[in-house]
Amino acid sequence: MISSGTSDAAALSNAGAVRSHSLRVVWVVVFLVALLMRAGWGTYRLAQADDPSALEFPDEQQYWDMAASL
C-alpha cells in the first residue's frame, strides 16, 4: 500500500500542537503556583509585622521614594 504521506504529516503536526498546548498549560500552572506562593508570603509577612506600614529593607525605602517622586 502506497501512502501519500499526508496522514503522517498531519499526525506530526497534531502531536506538535498537543505538545505546545501541554507546555503552555505547564507554564501557566507554574506561574499561578508562584503567584499564589508570593501572595501568601506577603500576606503572612504583613500579618506577622508589628507595624505593617514599616519598610523592612533599604531598597524598599528607595522604591517608595522613586514612586513618590513620580
Foldseek 3Di string as FASTA:
>chain_A
DDDPCPVVVVVVVVVVVVVVVVVVVVVVVVVVVVVVVVVVVLVVVCVPDPDSVDDDDPVVVVVVVVVVVD
